[in-house]
Amino acid sequence: MNAHTTAAVVHSPGALLRDPDALAVLLTDYHLSTEAEKGLPVAGATGLPARYLAEIQDPRTAFADDTVFLAVDDGVPAGCLVVTAPDAGTAEIKRVWTAPARRGRGIASVLLRAATAHCADSGIATVRLSVWSWRTPAIALYER
C-alpha cells in the first residue's frame, strides 16, 4: 500500500454534508459490494434493504447527527467514512469505503487518521469499529 496519497479529506456534520451526491455514489458501491459479499447480490440500489437505500437517497438525513468524511483524490471522490454521533462518550466508525479504482493509495488510512483525530479532538472516549469477518484486508488496516 502506498503510504503517501494526494487525497484531501473534508468532513462535516451530516446535516451540512458538502457533497451528498458524491457520498451517495460511494455508499451505493459500498452497499452493493457488501450485499454481494454476503451472498445476497442485488441488481441495483433499489434492491438494497430499506435502511441502506435511505442512506443513498438522502445522506443528509441519514447521517444528520453524524460526522461524514469524504476523501477526494485528484479531484475525484475516492472514499468515505462516517463517525456516529457520540452516545455516552462512545462513537462508531462505519461505512469505511475506498472506490476500487483508488485503492492502494492510502485513502482509507487517511480517512481513519482524520476520523480518530476528530474523535480525540471532540473528547470522545471510546471509538468502536465493526467489520465483516471476510474483509481481511480491511481488518489488517484496522489492526495497524
Protein backbone atom coordinates (compact mmCIF):
# COMPACT_ATOMS: atom_id res chain seq x y z
CA MET A 1 0.00 0.00 0.00
CA ASN A 2 1.21 3.48 -0.80
CA ALA A 3 1.68 5.34 2.47
CA HIS A 4 1.52 8.68 0.67
CA THR A 5 -1.59 9.91 -1.00
CA THR A 6 -2.66 13.14 -2.59
CA ALA A 7 -6.14 12.69 -1.13
CA ALA A 8 -7.66 15.55 0.80
CA VAL A 9 -10.24 14.77 3.45
CA VAL A 10 -13.15 17.05 4.21
CA HIS A 11 -15.66 16.43 6.94
CA SER A 12 -18.83 17.96 8.10
CA PRO A 13 -21.83 17.14 10.22
CA GLY A 14 -24.25 15.09 8.19
CA ALA A 15 -26.86 17.83 8.08
CA LEU A 16 -24.31 20.12 6.40
CA LEU A 17 -22.83 17.46 4.16
CA ARG A 18 -20.84 19.23 1.45
CA ASP A 19 -21.23 16.73 -1.38
CA PRO A 20 -24.21 14.39 -0.84
CA ASP A 21 -24.13 13.20 -4.47
CA ALA A 22 -20.52 12.04 -4.22
CA LEU A 23 -21.28 10.32 -0.92
CA ALA A 24 -24.35 8.64 -2.45
CA VAL A 25 -22.21 7.15 -5.25
CA LEU A 26 -19.65 5.80 -2.78
CA LEU A 27 -22.34 4.43 -0.45
CA THR A 28 -24.09 2.74 -3.37
CA ASP A 29 -20.88 0.93 -4.29
CA TYR A 30 -20.25 0.05 -0.64
CA HIS A 31 -23.71 -1.41 -0.03
CA LEU A 32 -23.89 -3.29 -3.36
CA SER A 33 -20.48 -4.81 -2.71
CA THR A 34 -21.39 -5.76 0.85
CA GLU A 35 -24.63 -7.44 -0.20
CA ALA A 36 -22.78 -9.39 -2.92
CA GLU A 37 -20.11 -10.47 -0.42
CA LYS A 38 -22.86 -11.67 1.93
CA GLY A 39 -24.23 -13.80 -0.91
CA LEU A 40 -27.24 -11.53 -1.39
CA PRO A 41 -26.40 -9.69 -4.61
CA VAL A 42 -28.89 -7.19 -5.96
CA ALA A 43 -29.05 -5.72 -9.45
CA GLY A 44 -29.06 -2.11 -8.34
CA ALA A 45 -29.52 0.27 -5.46
CA THR A 46 -33.30 -0.09 -5.46
CA GLY A 47 -32.87 -3.75 -4.47
CA LEU A 48 -30.97 -2.87 -1.29
CA PRO A 49 -32.56 -3.11 2.16
CA ALA A 50 -34.58 0.00 3.01
CA ARG A 51 -32.13 1.29 5.63
CA TYR A 52 -29.26 1.25 3.10
CA LEU A 53 -31.37 2.75 0.35
CA ALA A 54 -32.31 5.60 2.71
CA GLU A 55 -28.60 6.41 3.21
CA ILE A 56 -28.08 6.58 -0.54
CA GLN A 57 -31.19 8.58 -1.34
CA ASP A 58 -30.77 11.16 1.41
CA PRO A 59 -27.40 11.03 3.14
CA ARG A 60 -28.01 14.40 4.82
CA THR A 61 -30.96 12.96 6.73
CA ALA A 62 -29.45 9.51 7.28
CA PHE A 63 -26.30 10.98 8.81
CA ALA A 64 -27.75 14.23 10.19
CA ASP A 65 -26.32 13.66 13.68
CA ASP A 66 -23.07 12.09 12.50
CA THR A 67 -19.81 13.39 11.06
CA VAL A 68 -19.16 12.38 7.47
CA PHE A 69 -15.66 12.27 5.97
CA LEU A 70 -15.09 12.35 2.23
CA ALA A 71 -11.70 11.77 0.60
CA VAL A 72 -11.05 13.47 -2.71
CA ASP A 73 -8.11 12.22 -4.76
CA ASP A 74 -7.03 14.22 -7.81
CA GLY A 75 -10.39 15.96 -7.77
CA VAL A 76 -12.35 12.69 -7.70
CA PRO A 77 -14.40 11.50 -4.69
CA ALA A 78 -12.38 8.48 -3.64
CA GLY A 79 -13.58 7.29 -0.25
CA CYS A 80 -15.87 7.88 2.68
CA LEU A 81 -16.25 7.19 6.36
CA VAL A 82 -18.90 8.04 8.93
CA VAL A 83 -18.40 8.67 12.64
CA THR A 84 -21.65 8.30 14.51
CA ALA A 85 -22.76 10.93 16.98
CA PRO A 86 -21.36 10.06 20.40
CA ASP A 87 -23.62 8.25 22.83
CA ALA A 88 -22.38 8.16 26.43
CA GLY A 89 -18.86 9.04 25.23
CA THR A 90 -18.76 6.31 22.57
CA ALA A 91 -18.87 6.73 18.79
CA GLU A 92 -18.69 4.20 15.98
CA ILE A 93 -16.74 4.36 12.75
CA LYS A 94 -18.76 2.88 9.91
CA ARG A 95 -19.18 2.95 6.12
CA VAL A 96 -15.42 2.94 5.52
CA TRP A 97 -15.06 2.67 1.76
CA THR A 98 -12.49 3.42 -0.90
CA ALA A 99 -13.54 3.35 -4.55
CA PRO A 100 -11.94 0.24 -6.09
CA ALA A 101 -10.11 2.28 -8.74
CA ARG A 102 -8.48 4.35 -5.97
CA ARG A 103 -7.36 1.53 -3.69
CA GLY A 104 -3.73 1.11 -2.74
CA ARG A 105 -3.18 4.87 -2.45
CA GLY A 106 -3.56 5.14 1.33
CA ILE A 107 -7.02 6.71 1.18
CA ALA A 108 -8.60 4.53 3.87
CA SER A 109 -5.63 5.22 6.15
CA VAL A 110 -6.04 8.97 5.64
CA LEU A 111 -9.76 8.70 6.39
CA LEU A 112 -9.15 6.68 9.55
CA ARG A 113 -6.49 9.09 10.81
CA ALA A 114 -8.82 12.05 10.20
CA ALA A 115 -11.70 10.28 11.94
CA THR A 116 -9.71 9.23 15.01
CA ALA A 117 -8.22 12.73 15.30
CA HIS A 118 -11.74 14.17 15.12
CA CYS A 119 -12.87 11.80 17.88
CA ALA A 120 -9.93 12.73 20.09
CA ASP A 121 -10.48 16.45 19.47
CA SER A 122 -14.18 16.03 20.28
CA GLY A 123 -13.49 14.33 23.61
CA ILE A 124 -14.95 11.01 22.52
CA ALA A 125 -13.58 8.47 25.00
CA THR A 126 -14.31 5.26 23.07
CA VAL A 127 -14.46 4.58 19.34
CA ARG A 128 -15.91 1.31 18.05
CA LEU A 129 -15.46 -0.22 14.65
CA SER A 130 -17.03 -3.40 13.35
CA VAL A 131 -16.18 -5.17 10.13
CA TRP A 132 -17.38 -8.26 8.27
CA SER A 133 -15.05 -11.18 9.01
CA TRP A 134 -14.33 -11.84 5.32
CA ARG A 135 -12.86 -8.36 4.75
CA THR A 136 -9.36 -9.42 5.71
CA PRO A 137 -7.55 -6.51 4.00
CA ALA A 138 -9.73 -4.07 5.94
CA ILE A 139 -9.12 -5.93 9.19
CA ALA A 140 -5.36 -5.74 8.60
CA LEU A 141 -5.64 -1.98 8.07
CA TYR A 142 -7.73 -1.50 11.21
CA GLU A 143 -5.29 -3.55 13.27
CA ARG A 144 -2.46 -1.26 12.15
